[in-house]
Structures are given as C-alpha cells and as structure tokens.
C-alpha cells in the first residue's frame, strides 16, 4: 500500500510517523482525525514486536515439551506476527530479517513436532532452542537441525522467501513506474511545480546509488530463478538439506541488497546461492 508516513493530528496538532506506530490515531490525544503531510510512499511493514516470554514460561513449567493449553496460543501469536510483517518500510526495501525467519521456522517446527510419533530428545531440544531465541532472531545453525524437523526449516524458507519475493517485485514495479513518471515530468514543460497532483506522482520508493532502473531487469530474472527453486522445495514439503533451505533465504536477502544498492557483487552472490539451493541433483535418500 501507499501511505503518507508523516501524520498530523487535526485535534491537537501533534506530528508523528505512521511507520513507527502503524496507526493513524494520534499518540498524544488518541484522536483518529489525522492527515498526511508528506508524499505517499510504498509501505507494507507494521511496527510490531515478537514477545514469546510468556510462552517460554508456560512451556518451561510444563511436564511435557508442548503443553496442549499453550500450543494453539503460540501458533496464533506467531501467525499474527508473520501476517503483520512486510519488507517495504517507508519506501525502502528492507532486508529479510532474522526475527521473521525464526518466527516462521518456530511456527513450522511446532506443527512438525506435533506430527511426530516418537520425538527424540534432540527434537525437543531443537524446538525449545527455537522458542528460546526466536524473538531475538536467533536460530540454531543448519548442522544442528534434527532430521525429523528439517522440513520445518525448509518450509520456513519457502514461506519467508515467497513473502519477500512478492514485496520485492512490487517494489521493482514501483521503482519502474517512478522512473517512467520522472521521464514524463522532465518532458512536460507545463508541469505545475509544487501542486498536489505532482506530489502524488512523486516516486514512492527509494534506493541508493545511480541508475537504479538498470537493476530492475536483472533482479526480476534472478527472482524468477529463485521462484523455481522455492517451488521445488515446496513440492518436497520442505524436506531438503537445511543448508539448501538456508541458501534460498540468503539468495533472497542478497537480491534485496542488490536492489537497494546496485552492488553487482550482491547479484553474483545471489546467483551462486540460487545454484547452491538446487535440489535437482539430490539423492532421494538425502531428501
């Protein structure tokens, strides 16, 4: 969506950033009558934090790893957090952050664990390690993922990369549209400087570096290659080596860095990581 990030309360005159509060309600008086006082920018993220401390206390006091009374609440909180998160923040494409990834994996791991007939101590320890660090963005490394839970790592990568790719492609669309509007304005000698119409036609996204339009084609091509890898991992139910799942995430993040900065090294790294994430040559026993 496109929003005017700087708001002004029509009741008390307070100004605040919508990007920080995620609300049009005045933080001073609570009045909902506010107006945007800057240009519209693309924005999909919400100012929301992940606090799992209550769940850790509940799970730590339980005689079993997953107390029935707490599982549904935990899953609900994780889904709500993931639903509210986005990757375009005030017109800038954000990185694929670790807290979102950890929340995604914990959500998948809880579901996966519940389906295990005979979970091992390693399975339990891994699940509790995810719960312990998720709200700080801490996940156990790939080589510590138990075989029984590696599909959780794979499906978390699938869900996270697809969400990030969707926002990144929307960002590229806005970047391209902004470039086209700029070209039109430059050729229009009768443009009315400072008018509301021109303000609405201002670019809705921001990147660093020169000639950002040149990044659009290569980034889209790379995201399409990444989509093919994600589709294959999804078809396998996420049951791939954790390193291959992590490569998907790292590739998406590298592509985001390329879009933001135009750094060709980031694009090369993304291409290499997409190749590393291939599951075509895996032995069935490794899946």
Foldseek 3Di string as FASTA:
>chain_A
DKDQQWKAAPPPGDIDGCLQAVACQDPPPRDNDIDRDAFIADAQAHNDADDLVVVLVVCVPDPDNDDPVRLVVLLVSLVVNLVRGAQQGQQAGHFLALLNLLSQLLNLLSVLVVPDPDDDPLSSVQSSVSSVCNRVSDHDDLVSQDLSSQLSLQVSLLVSLVRSLVRVLVSLVLVVQQVVLVVVVVPDPPDDPPDPVVSNSHRNHDADDPDLNVLSVLLVVLSVLLVVLSVVCVVVSSNARSLLSVLSSQLSRLSSVCSRHVPVVSSVSSVVSSVSNHPPPPDPVRD
